[in-house]
């Protein structure tokens, strides 16, 4: 009995710190377990599922897609001989797609405020999770939740930060952002997520001009070091980051067993009101010495610094 009382007492401070709105919106969540402070969690505006994640999306042959401009960005993954693209014009409004590719359940995610586009394996301990959007941010990055336990997950790292899965890390999958034209050229028999049956202004950017701002939205962390602008893009592999502008200037960087390449032709999804008219941020690919695609993303510099404060900056 004493050990049970001690457990309750030790959990009480964390429970007290969990805001009432979180406890109300996520009644299944175990708020006695957390690796972050609840004061770090900010409302992004919408409530739970106010940004509606998609599950089991309709998929069509890429050759049948007529809506996308050649320069529009798509998140791409190739698995077991099947290549699929998820247009950022849809992820802009849904942020998470619970999908299955070649029998593997995956979470396709993009946080516009951090420009973190990542794909994760949804299997944890033999259980397949389904993810939704909490409506909350931490260091401007989306906090996801799983519908099974209502644990919170940091999208930029795939780490469980609140609830039963605190400390668990989702397995990242090799994926990359490409232009629609680039995807069609490489995978002419590929597939693409069809337009969702929802009332959204697909193809438009509600954050027009965002990647030209001096400071990110709802960010309360440190700015990146070395005089790097907070909203400058970097290519991240693990805890290392290469400034995108450096890669753009050189075109190719071979470093630490990796080959990073850049070529023009892809629009920024966060620049112009119409995504297809965005400034050219270029097509980035990261491969190992054997030519295999490597897990990476292209976050804003502030997001890399926030989630990898001891990360390595690969500068000139």
C-alpha atoms as a PDB file:
ATOM      1  CA  UNK A   1       0.000   0.000   0.000  1.00  0.00           C
ATOM      2  CA  UNK A   2       2.850   2.397   0.782  1.00  0.00           C
ATOM      3  CA  UNK A   3       4.397   1.934  -2.646  1.00  0.00           C
ATOM      4  CA  UNK A   4       1.032   2.682  -4.280  1.00  0.00           C
ATOM      5  CA  UNK A   5       0.638   5.866  -2.236  1.00  0.00           C
ATOM      6  CA  UNK A   6       4.190   6.894  -3.125  1.00  0.00           C
ATOM      7  CA  UNK A   7       3.431   6.360  -6.799  1.00  0.00           C
ATOM      8  CA  UNK A   8       0.343   8.540  -6.591  1.00  0.00           C
ATOM      9  CA  UNK A   9       2.211  11.277  -4.760  1.00  0.00           C
ATOM     10  CA  UNK A  10       5.102  11.218  -7.217  1.00  0.00           C
ATOM     11  CA  UNK A  11       2.683  11.554 -10.147  1.00  0.00           C
ATOM     12  CA  UNK A  12       0.725  14.399  -8.556  1.00  0.00           C
ATOM     13  CA  UNK A  13       3.102  17.247  -9.535  1.00  0.00           C
ATOM     14  CA  UNK A  14       2.983  16.256 -13.216  1.00  0.00           C
ATOM     15  CA  UNK A  15      -0.779  15.856 -13.117  1.00  0.00           C
ATOM     16  CA  UNK A  16      -1.059  19.282 -11.560  1.00  0.00           C
ATOM     17  CA  UNK A  17       1.038  20.746 -14.370  1.00  0.00           C
ATOM     18  CA  UNK A  18      -1.138  19.292 -17.137  1.00  0.00           C
ATOM     19  CA  UNK A  19      -3.532  22.083 -18.160  1.00  0.00           C
ATOM     20  CA  UNK A  20      -7.227  21.406 -17.805  1.00  0.00           C
ATOM     21  CA  UNK A  21      -7.851  21.802 -21.536  1.00  0.00           C
ATOM     22  CA  UNK A  22      -5.364  19.036 -22.302  1.00  0.00           C
ATOM     23  CA  UNK A  23      -6.927  16.697 -19.747  1.00  0.00           C
ATOM     24  CA  UNK A  24     -10.355  17.473 -21.134  1.00  0.00           C
ATOM     25  CA  UNK A  25      -9.447  17.002 -24.824  1.00  0.00           C
ATOM     26  CA  UNK A  26      -7.291  13.915 -24.251  1.00  0.00           C
ATOM     27  CA  UNK A  27      -9.027  11.928 -21.482  1.00  0.00           C
ATOM     28  CA  UNK A  28      -7.100   8.721 -22.249  1.00  0.00           C
ATOM     29  CA  UNK A  29      -3.647  10.313 -22.000  1.00  0.00           C
ATOM     30  CA  UNK A  30      -1.441   9.400 -19.058  1.00  0.00           C
ATOM     31  CA  UNK A  31      -0.248  12.872 -18.072  1.00  0.00           C
ATOM     32  CA  UNK A  32       1.751  11.443 -15.183  1.00  0.00           C
ATOM     33  CA  UNK A  33       4.388  10.490 -17.750  1.00  0.00           C
ATOM     34  CA  UNK A  34       6.167  13.214 -19.680  1.00  0.00           C
ATOM     35  CA  UNK A  35       9.690  14.057 -20.818  1.00  0.00           C
ATOM     36  CA  UNK A  36       8.913  17.730 -21.407  1.00  0.00           C
ATOM     37  CA  UNK A  37       7.403  20.530 -19.359  1.00  0.00           C
ATOM     38  CA  UNK A  38       3.765  21.298 -20.005  1.00  0.00           C
ATOM     39  CA  UNK A  39       4.708  24.975 -20.113  1.00  0.00           C
ATOM     40  CA  UNK A  40       6.535  24.234 -23.369  1.00  0.00           C
ATOM     41  CA  UNK A  41       3.274  23.213 -25.045  1.00  0.00           C
ATOM     42  CA  UNK A  42       1.458  26.071 -26.772  1.00  0.00           C
ATOM     43  CA  UNK A  43      -1.861  26.167 -28.580  1.00  0.00           C
ATOM     44  CA  UNK A  44      -1.472  26.612 -32.319  1.00  0.00           C
ATOM     45  CA  UNK A  45      -5.075  27.821 -32.555  1.00  0.00           C
ATOM     46  CA  UNK A  46      -7.098  24.793 -33.723  1.00  0.00           C
ATOM     47  CA  UNK A  47      -8.278  22.264 -31.110  1.00  0.00           C
ATOM     48  CA  UNK A  48      -7.710  18.516 -31.256  1.00  0.00           C
ATOM     49  CA  UNK A  49      -8.362  17.341 -34.819  1.00  0.00           C
ATOM     50  CA  UNK A  50      -9.122  20.899 -35.892  1.00  0.00           C
ATOM     51  CA  UNK A  51      -6.518  20.090 -38.522  1.00  0.00           C
ATOM     52  CA  UNK A  52      -7.932  16.732 -39.653  1.00  0.00           C
ATOM     53  CA  UNK A  53      -5.440  13.963 -40.309  1.00  0.00           C
ATOM     54  CA  UNK A  54      -6.284  11.567 -43.132  1.00  0.00           C
ATOM     55  CA  UNK A  55      -6.365   7.785 -42.883  1.00  0.00           C
ATOM     56  CA  UNK A  56      -6.335   5.318 -45.776  1.00  0.00           C
ATOM     57  CA  UNK A  57      -6.271   7.949 -48.531  1.00  0.00           C
ATOM     58  CA  UNK A  58      -7.390   7.261 -52.064  1.00  0.00           C
ATOM     59  CA  UNK A  59      -4.409   6.589 -54.304  1.00  0.00           C
ATOM     60  CA  UNK A  60      -4.352   6.912 -58.109  1.00  0.00           C
ATOM     61  CA  UNK A  61      -1.768   6.289 -60.838  1.00  0.00           C
ATOM     62  CA  UNK A  62       0.435   9.344 -61.246  1.00  0.00           C
ATOM     63  CA  UNK A  63      -0.426   9.430 -64.949  1.00  0.00           C
ATOM     64  CA  UNK A  64      -4.064  10.217 -64.048  1.00  0.00           C
ATOM     65  CA  UNK A  65      -3.240  13.237 -61.870  1.00  0.00           C
ATOM     66  CA  UNK A  66      -4.002  16.508 -63.661  1.00  0.00           C
ATOM     67  CA  UNK A  67      -4.222  19.053 -60.818  1.00  0.00           C
ATOM     68  CA  UNK A  68      -0.550  19.415 -59.912  1.00  0.00           C
ATOM     69  CA  UNK A  69       1.827  21.947 -61.416  1.00  0.00           C
ATOM     70  CA  UNK A  70       5.226  20.494 -62.453  1.00  0.00           C
ATOM     71  CA  UNK A  71       7.002  22.645 -59.829  1.00  0.00           C
ATOM     72  CA  UNK A  72       4.747  21.699 -56.923  1.00  0.00           C
ATOM     73  CA  UNK A  73       6.463  19.877 -54.033  1.00  0.00           C
ATOM     74  CA  UNK A  74       5.506  16.321 -53.141  1.00  0.00           C
ATOM     75  CA  UNK A  75       6.791  14.063 -50.375  1.00  0.00           C
ATOM     76  CA  UNK A  76       8.073  10.850 -51.932  1.00  0.00           C
ATOM     77  CA  UNK A  77       8.763   7.338 -50.677  1.00  0.00           C
ATOM     78  CA  UNK A  78       9.709   4.192 -52.576  1.00  0.00           C
ATOM     79  CA  UNK A  79       9.163   0.858 -50.833  1.00  0.00           C
ATOM     80  CA  UNK A  80       9.372  -2.658 -52.259  1.00  0.00           C
ATOM     81  CA  UNK A  81       9.140  -1.504 -55.855  1.00  0.00           C
ATOM     82  CA  UNK A  82       6.230   0.876 -55.218  1.00  0.00           C
ATOM     83  CA  UNK A  83       6.756   4.636 -55.352  1.00  0.00           C
ATOM     84  CA  UNK A  84       4.161   7.040 -54.007  1.00  0.00           C
ATOM     85  CA  UNK A  85       3.890  10.817 -53.741  1.00  0.00           C
ATOM     86  CA  UNK A  86       1.911  12.853 -51.218  1.00  0.00           C
ATOM     87  CA  UNK A  87       1.443  16.439 -52.485  1.00  0.00           C
ATOM     88  CA  UNK A  88       2.258  19.135 -49.962  1.00  0.00           C
ATOM     89  CA  UNK A  89      -0.842  20.991 -51.202  1.00  0.00           C
ATOM     90  CA  UNK A  90      -2.793  18.360 -49.209  1.00  0.00           C
ATOM     91  CA  UNK A  91      -0.406  18.010 -46.283  1.00  0.00           C
ATOM     92  CA  UNK A  92      -0.635  21.798 -45.900  1.00  0.00           C
ATOM     93  CA  UNK A  93      -4.213  21.340 -44.658  1.00  0.00           C
ATOM     94  CA  UNK A  94      -4.010  17.890 -43.033  1.00  0.00           C
ATOM     95  CA  UNK A  95      -0.378  17.561 -41.814  1.00  0.00           C
ATOM     96  CA  UNK A  96      -0.656  13.792 -41.212  1.00  0.00           C
ATOM     97  CA  UNK A  97      -1.628  10.959 -43.546  1.00  0.00           C
ATOM     98  CA  UNK A  98      -1.973   7.464 -42.072  1.00  0.00           C
ATOM     99  CA  UNK A  99      -1.177   5.285 -45.059  1.00  0.00           C
ATOM    100  CA  UNK A 100       0.187   1.845 -45.954  1.00  0.00           C
ATOM    101  CA  UNK A 101       2.891   1.306 -48.568  1.00  0.00           C
ATOM    102  CA  UNK A 102       3.892  -2.195 -49.680  1.00  0.00           C
ATOM    103  CA  UNK A 103       2.281  -3.620 -46.551  1.00  0.00           C
ATOM    104  CA  UNK A 104       4.070  -1.233 -44.178  1.00  0.00           C
ATOM    105  CA  UNK A 105       1.827   1.113 -42.129  1.00  0.00           C
ATOM    106  CA  UNK A 106       3.341   4.589 -42.276  1.00  0.00           C
ATOM    107  CA  UNK A 107       2.636   8.087 -40.994  1.00  0.00           C
ATOM    108  CA  UNK A 108       3.344  10.729 -43.636  1.00  0.00           C
ATOM    109  CA  UNK A 109       3.827  14.026 -41.803  1.00  0.00           C
ATOM    110  CA  UNK A 110       4.642  17.645 -42.555  1.00  0.00           C
ATOM    111  CA  UNK A 111       4.743  20.583 -40.165  1.00  0.00           C
ATOM    112  CA  UNK A 112       4.530  23.786 -42.245  1.00  0.00           C
ATOM    113  CA  UNK A 113       5.837  25.969 -39.415  1.00  0.00           C
ATOM    114  CA  UNK A 114       9.110  24.002 -39.231  1.00  0.00           C
ATOM    115  CA  UNK A 115       9.170  22.639 -42.803  1.00  0.00           C
ATOM    116  CA  UNK A 116       9.816  19.189 -41.337  1.00  0.00           C
ATOM    117  CA  UNK A 117       8.594  16.543 -43.796  1.00  0.00           C
ATOM    118  CA  UNK A 118       9.052  13.047 -42.343  1.00  0.00           C
ATOM    119  CA  UNK A 119       7.666   9.543 -42.784  1.00  0.00           C
ATOM    120  CA  UNK A 120       7.527   7.130 -39.837  1.00  0.00           C
ATOM    121  CA  UNK A 121       6.721   3.457 -39.388  1.00  0.00           C
ATOM    122  CA  UNK A 122       3.441   3.321 -37.412  1.00  0.00           C
ATOM    123  CA  UNK A 123       4.255  -0.013 -35.779  1.00  0.00           C
ATOM    124  CA  UNK A 124       5.293   0.182 -32.121  1.00  0.00           C
ATOM    125  CA  UNK A 125       5.714  -2.957 -30.047  1.00  0.00           C
ATOM    126  CA  UNK A 126       3.547  -5.028 -32.352  1.00  0.00           C
ATOM    127  CA  UNK A 127       0.773  -2.422 -32.341  1.00  0.00           C
ATOM    128  CA  UNK A 128      -0.182  -0.282 -35.336  1.00  0.00           C
ATOM    129  CA  UNK A 129      -0.872   3.291 -34.270  1.00  0.00           C
ATOM    130  CA  UNK A 130      -3.053   5.867 -35.965  1.00  0.00           C
ATOM    131  CA  UNK A 131      -2.040   9.488 -35.588  1.00  0.00           C
ATOM    132  CA  UNK A 132      -3.917  12.761 -35.335  1.00  0.00           C
ATOM    133  CA  UNK A 133      -3.059  16.432 -34.829  1.00  0.00           C
ATOM    134  CA  UNK A 134      -3.275  17.733 -31.259  1.00  0.00           C
ATOM    135  CA  UNK A 135      -3.527  21.392 -32.294  1.00  0.00           C
ATOM    136  CA  UNK A 136      -0.555  22.061 -29.995  1.00  0.00           C
ATOM    137  CA  UNK A 137       2.984  23.118 -30.764  1.00  0.00           C
ATOM    138  CA  UNK A 138       6.322  22.767 -29.046  1.00  0.00           C
ATOM    139  CA  UNK A 139       9.091  24.999 -30.378  1.00  0.00           C
ATOM    140  CA  UNK A 140       6.674  25.763 -33.217  1.00  0.00           C
ATOM    141  CA  UNK A 141       6.580  22.083 -34.224  1.00  0.00           C
ATOM    142  CA  UNK A 142       3.426  19.998 -34.416  1.00  0.00           C
ATOM    143  CA  UNK A 143       2.636  17.651 -31.560  1.00  0.00           C
ATOM    144  CA  UNK A 144       0.943  14.543 -32.921  1.00  0.00           C
ATOM    145  CA  UNK A 145      -1.052  12.085 -30.839  1.00  0.00           C
ATOM    146  CA  UNK A 146      -1.907   8.436 -31.321  1.00  0.00           C
ATOM    147  CA  UNK A 147      -5.561   7.468 -31.116  1.00  0.00           C
ATOM    148  CA  UNK A 148      -4.805   4.284 -29.171  1.00  0.00           C
ATOM    149  CA  UNK A 149      -3.296   5.848 -25.997  1.00  0.00           C
ATOM    150  CA  UNK A 150      -3.498   9.596 -26.783  1.00  0.00           C
ATOM    151  CA  UNK A 151       0.222   9.904 -26.131  1.00  0.00           C
ATOM    152  CA  UNK A 152       1.827  13.041 -27.589  1.00  0.00           C
ATOM    153  CA  UNK A 153       4.608  12.707 -30.170  1.00  0.00           C
ATOM    154  CA  UNK A 154       7.063  15.362 -31.377  1.00  0.00           C
ATOM    155  CA  UNK A 155       6.767  15.410 -35.146  1.00  0.00           C
ATOM    156  CA  UNK A 156      10.293  16.723 -35.798  1.00  0.00           C
ATOM    157  CA  UNK A 157      11.903  13.815 -33.946  1.00  0.00           C
ATOM    158  CA  UNK A 158       9.251  11.073 -33.843  1.00  0.00           C
ATOM    159  CA  UNK A 159       9.676  10.856 -30.072  1.00  0.00           C
ATOM    160  CA  UNK A 160       6.874  10.208 -27.607  1.00  0.00           C
ATOM    161  CA  UNK A 161       6.985  13.100 -25.121  1.00  0.00           C
ATOM    162  CA  UNK A 162       3.764  12.742 -23.079  1.00  0.00           C
ATOM    163  CA  UNK A 163       1.788   9.668 -22.094  1.00  0.00           C
ATOM    164  CA  UNK A 164       2.228   5.914 -22.216  1.00  0.00           C
ATOM    165  CA  UNK A 165       4.736   6.069 -25.069  1.00  0.00           C
ATOM    166  CA  UNK A 166       6.996   8.680 -23.472  1.00  0.00           C
ATOM    167  CA  UNK A 167      10.562   7.953 -24.540  1.00  0.00           C
ATOM    168  CA  UNK A 168       9.561   5.730 -27.466  1.00  0.00           C
ATOM    169  CA  UNK A 169      10.908   6.814 -30.853  1.00  0.00           C
ATOM    170  CA  UNK A 170       9.111   6.044 -34.092  1.00  0.00           C
ATOM    171  CA  UNK A 171      11.315   4.467 -36.766  1.00  0.00           C
ATOM    172  CA  UNK A 172      11.942   7.003 -39.559  1.00  0.00           C
ATOM    173  CA  UNK A 173      11.665   5.894 -43.179  1.00  0.00           C
ATOM    174  CA  UNK A 174      13.761   7.125 -46.090  1.00  0.00           C
ATOM    175  CA  UNK A 175      11.676   9.731 -47.923  1.00  0.00           C
ATOM    176  CA  UNK A 176      12.399  12.970 -49.725  1.00  0.00           C
ATOM    177  CA  UNK A 177      10.684  16.061 -51.099  1.00  0.00           C
ATOM    178  CA  UNK A 178      10.699  16.412 -54.866  1.00  0.00           C
ATOM    179  CA  UNK A 179       8.909  18.378 -57.532  1.00  0.00           C
ATOM    180  CA  UNK A 180       5.915  16.751 -59.176  1.00  0.00           C
ATOM    181  CA  UNK A 181       7.809  16.781 -62.484  1.00  0.00           C
ATOM    182  CA  UNK A 182      10.832  15.166 -60.836  1.00  0.00           C
ATOM    183  CA  UNK A 183       8.698  12.409 -59.334  1.00  0.00           C
ATOM    184  CA  UNK A 184       6.946  11.716 -62.660  1.00  0.00           C
ATOM    185  CA  UNK A 185      10.276  11.542 -64.484  1.00  0.00           C
ATOM    186  CA  UNK A 186      11.826   9.100 -61.996  1.00  0.00           C
ATOM    187  CA  UNK A 187       8.715   7.013 -61.360  1.00  0.00           C
ATOM    188  CA  UNK A 188       6.466   7.125 -64.439  1.00  0.00           C
ATOM    189  CA  UNK A 189       4.508   4.154 -63.046  1.00  0.00           C
ATOM    190  CA  UNK A 190       4.296   5.689 -59.598  1.00  0.00           C
ATOM    191  CA  UNK A 191       1.243   6.450 -57.489  1.00  0.00           C
ATOM    192  CA  UNK A 192      -0.027   9.668 -55.955  1.00  0.00           C
ATOM    193  CA  UNK A 193      -2.451  10.481 -53.185  1.00  0.00           C
ATOM    194  CA  UNK A 194      -5.698  11.740 -54.731  1.00  0.00           C
ATOM    195  CA  UNK A 195      -7.338  14.985 -53.668  1.00  0.00           C
ATOM    196  CA  UNK A 196      -9.153  14.444 -50.331  1.00  0.00           C
ATOM    197  CA  UNK A 197     -12.908  14.802 -50.118  1.00  0.00           C
ATOM    198  CA  UNK A 198     -12.743  17.857 -47.881  1.00  0.00           C
ATOM    199  CA  UNK A 199     -13.590  21.514 -48.234  1.00  0.00           C
ATOM    200  CA  UNK A 200     -10.112  23.043 -48.366  1.00  0.00           C
ATOM    201  CA  UNK A 201      -8.363  25.507 -50.681  1.00  0.00           C
ATOM    202  CA  UNK A 202      -5.922  22.927 -51.988  1.00  0.00           C
ATOM    203  CA  UNK A 203      -3.079  24.461 -53.964  1.00  0.00           C
ATOM    204  CA  UNK A 204      -3.037  27.647 -51.871  1.00  0.00           C
ATOM    205  CA  UNK A 205      -0.676  28.543 -49.054  1.00  0.00           C
ATOM    206  CA  UNK A 206      -2.298  30.050 -45.935  1.00  0.00           C
ATOM    207  CA  UNK A 207       1.197  30.982 -44.681  1.00  0.00           C
ATOM    208  CA  UNK A 208       2.116  33.207 -47.626  1.00  0.00           C
ATOM    209  CA  UNK A 209       5.537  34.774 -47.123  1.00  0.00           C
ATOM    210  CA  UNK A 210       6.280  32.638 -44.072  1.00  0.00           C
ATOM    211  CA  UNK A 211       9.722  31.453 -45.142  1.00  0.00           C
ATOM    212  CA  UNK A 212      10.793  35.076 -45.597  1.00  0.00           C
ATOM    213  CA  UNK A 213       9.954  36.124 -42.036  1.00  0.00           C
ATOM    214  CA  UNK A 214      12.659  37.129 -39.558  1.00  0.00           C
ATOM    215  CA  UNK A 215      11.200  34.946 -36.795  1.00  0.00           C
ATOM    216  CA  UNK A 216       9.007  31.826 -36.796  1.00  0.00           C
ATOM    217  CA  UNK A 217       5.458  31.661 -35.499  1.00  0.00           C
ATOM    218  CA  UNK A 218       4.930  30.783 -31.816  1.00  0.00           C
ATOM    219  CA  UNK A 219       8.586  29.942 -31.240  1.00  0.00           C
ATOM    220  CA  UNK A 220       9.994  30.539 -27.763  1.00  0.00           C
ATOM    221  CA  UNK A 221      13.417  28.913 -28.150  1.00  0.00           C
ATOM    222  CA  UNK A 222      16.904  30.106 -29.036  1.00  0.00           C
ATOM    223  CA  UNK A 223      17.901  31.298 -32.484  1.00  0.00           C
ATOM    224  CA  UNK A 224      20.443  29.153 -34.339  1.00  0.00           C
ATOM    225  CA  UNK A 225      24.175  29.879 -33.935  1.00  0.00           C
ATOM    226  CA  UNK A 226      26.760  31.089 -36.481  1.00  0.00           C
ATOM    227  CA  UNK A 227      24.577  33.988 -37.585  1.00  0.00           C
ATOM    228  CA  UNK A 228      22.266  31.658 -39.498  1.00  0.00           C
ATOM    229  CA  UNK A 229      18.798  33.106 -40.035  1.00  0.00           C
ATOM    230  CA  UNK A 230      16.083  31.235 -38.094  1.00  0.00           C
ATOM    231  CA  UNK A 231      14.067  30.492 -41.241  1.00  0.00           C
ATOM    232  CA  UNK A 232      16.997  29.524 -43.425  1.00  0.00           C
ATOM    233  CA  UNK A 233      16.619  25.936 -44.601  1.00  0.00           C
ATOM    234  CA  UNK A 234      19.126  23.249 -43.709  1.00  0.00           C
ATOM    235  CA  UNK A 235      19.539  19.646 -44.821  1.00  0.00           C
ATOM    236  CA  UNK A 236      19.433  17.479 -41.702  1.00  0.00           C
ATOM    237  CA  UNK A 237      20.765  13.961 -41.393  1.00  0.00           C
ATOM    238  CA  UNK A 238      20.638  12.750 -37.799  1.00  0.00           C
ATOM    239  CA  UNK A 239      22.180  15.484 -35.662  1.00  0.00           C
ATOM    240  CA  UNK A 240      24.104  17.093 -38.534  1.00  0.00           C
ATOM    241  CA  UNK A 241      22.934  19.999 -40.674  1.00  0.00           C
ATOM    242  CA  UNK A 242      24.206  21.444 -43.947  1.00  0.00           C
ATOM    243  CA  UNK A 243      22.886  24.935 -44.864  1.00  0.00           C
ATOM    244  CA  UNK A 244      20.749  24.618 -47.976  1.00  0.00           C
ATOM    245  CA  UNK A 245      22.296  27.764 -49.399  1.00  0.00           C
ATOM    246  CA  UNK A 246      25.734  26.131 -49.253  1.00  0.00           C
ATOM    247  CA  UNK A 247      24.431  23.047 -51.066  1.00  0.00           C
ATOM    248  CA  UNK A 248      22.643  25.231 -53.592  1.00  0.00           C
ATOM    249  CA  UNK A 249      25.862  27.117 -54.316  1.00  0.00           C
ATOM    250  CA  UNK A 250      27.981  23.990 -54.705  1.00  0.00           C
ATOM    251  CA  UNK A 251      25.377  21.714 -56.270  1.00  0.00           C
ATOM    252  CA  UNK A 252      26.961  18.651 -54.695  1.00  0.00           C
ATOM    253  CA  UNK A 253      28.545  17.935 -51.329  1.00  0.00           C
ATOM    254  CA  UNK A 254      30.306  14.692 -50.445  1.00  0.00           C
ATOM    255  CA  UNK A 255      30.769  14.477 -46.699  1.00  0.00           C
ATOM    256  CA  UNK A 256      30.974  11.754 -44.039  1.00  0.00           C
ATOM    257  CA  UNK A 257      29.947   8.972 -46.394  1.00  0.00           C
ATOM    258  CA  UNK A 258      26.987  10.953 -47.746  1.00  0.00           C
ATOM    259  CA  UNK A 259      26.347  12.575 -51.113  1.00  0.00           C
ATOM    260  CA  UNK A 260      24.030  15.580 -51.064  1.00  0.00           C
ATOM    261  CA  UNK A 261      22.812  17.047 -54.370  1.00  0.00           C
ATOM    262  CA  UNK A 262      20.759  20.096 -55.348  1.00  0.00           C
ATOM    263  CA  UNK A 263      19.120  21.125 -58.586  1.00  0.00           C
ATOM    264  CA  UNK A 264      16.465  23.700 -59.311  1.00  0.00           C
ATOM    265  CA  UNK A 265      12.864  23.167 -60.266  1.00  0.00           C
ATOM    266  CA  UNK A 266      10.801  22.875 -57.056  1.00  0.00           C
ATOM    267  CA  UNK A 267       8.641  25.637 -55.604  1.00  0.00           C
ATOM    268  CA  UNK A 268       8.627  26.560 -51.932  1.00  0.00           C
ATOM    269  CA  UNK A 269       5.237  25.635 -50.453  1.00  0.00           C
ATOM    270  CA  UNK A 270       5.518  28.512 -47.960  1.00  0.00           C
ATOM    271  CA  UNK A 271       6.310  31.491 -50.181  1.00  0.00           C
ATOM    272  CA  UNK A 272       3.584  32.624 -52.584  1.00  0.00           C
ATOM    273  CA  UNK A 273      -0.164  32.454 -52.048  1.00  0.00           C
ATOM    274  CA  UNK A 274      -0.334  29.902 -54.857  1.00  0.00           C
ATOM    275  CA  UNK A 275       2.078  27.080 -54.054  1.00  0.00           C
ATOM    276  CA  UNK A 276       3.010  26.560 -57.700  1.00  0.00           C
ATOM    277  CA  UNK A 277       4.243  30.170 -57.896  1.00  0.00           C
ATOM    278  CA  UNK A 278       6.629  29.877 -54.941  1.00  0.00           C
ATOM    279  CA  UNK A 279      10.315  30.708 -55.117  1.00  0.00           C
ATOM    280  CA  UNK A 280      12.609  27.925 -56.311  1.00  0.00           C
ATOM    281  CA  UNK A 281      14.040  26.162 -53.241  1.00  0.00           C
ATOM    282  CA  UNK A 282      15.376  23.314 -55.342  1.00  0.00           C
ATOM    283  CA  UNK A 283      15.278  19.526 -55.342  1.00  0.00           C
ATOM    284  CA  UNK A 284      17.498  17.901 -52.711  1.00  0.00           C
ATOM    285  CA  UNK A 285      18.546  14.275 -52.561  1.00  0.00           C
ATOM    286  CA  UNK A 286      20.703  12.584 -49.914  1.00  0.00           C
ATOM    287  CA  UNK A 287      22.226   9.190 -50.632  1.00  0.00           C
ATOM    288  CA  UNK A 288      24.942   7.024 -49.166  1.00  0.00           C
ATOM    289  CA  UNK A 289      28.037   5.825 -51.039  1.00  0.00           C
ATOM    290  CA  UNK A 290      26.052   2.873 -52.412  1.00  0.00           C
ATOM    291  CA  UNK A 291      23.418   5.189 -53.880  1.00  0.00           C
ATOM    292  CA  UNK A 292      20.701   4.368 -51.355  1.00  0.00           C
ATOM    293  CA  UNK A 293      18.373   7.105 -50.149  1.00  0.00           C
ATOM    294  CA  UNK A 294      19.118   8.236 -46.593  1.00  0.00           C
ATOM    295  CA  UNK A 295      16.641   9.418 -43.962  1.00  0.00           C
ATOM    296  CA  UNK A 296      16.763  13.212 -43.897  1.00  0.00           C
ATOM    297  CA  UNK A 297      14.597  16.297 -43.892  1.00  0.00           C
ATOM    298  CA  UNK A 298      14.971  19.982 -44.728  1.00  0.00           C
ATOM    299  CA  UNK A 299      13.836  21.919 -41.648  1.00  0.00           C
ATOM    300  CA  UNK A 300      14.229  25.574 -40.908  1.00  0.00           C
ATOM    301  CA  UNK A 301      17.441  26.291 -38.995  1.00  0.00           C
ATOM    302  CA  UNK A 302      15.600  27.252 -35.795  1.00  0.00           C
ATOM    303  CA  UNK A 303      13.894  23.851 -35.704  1.00  0.00           C
ATOM    304  CA  UNK A 304      17.163  21.971 -36.123  1.00  0.00           C
ATOM    305  CA  UNK A 305      18.701  23.965 -33.284  1.00  0.00           C
ATOM    306  CA  UNK A 306      15.652  23.527 -31.052  1.00  0.00           C
ATOM    307  CA  UNK A 307      15.554  19.738 -31.348  1.00  0.00           C
ATOM    308  CA  UNK A 308      19.285  19.150 -31.799  1.00  0.00           C
ATOM    309  CA  UNK A 309      20.861  21.804 -29.551  1.00  0.00           C
ATOM    310  CA  UNK A 310      24.174  19.940 -29.592  1.00  0.00           C
ATOM    311  CA  UNK A 311      23.932  19.213 -33.303  1.00  0.00           C
ATOM    312  CA  UNK A 312      26.816  19.595 -35.713  1.00  0.00           C
ATOM    313  CA  UNK A 313      26.667  22.433 -38.245  1.00  0.00           C
ATOM    314  CA  UNK A 314      28.463  21.503 -41.470  1.00  0.00           C
ATOM    315  CA  UNK A 315      29.541  24.944 -42.653  1.00  0.00           C
ATOM    316  CA  UNK A 316      32.074  26.082 -45.231  1.00  0.00           C
END
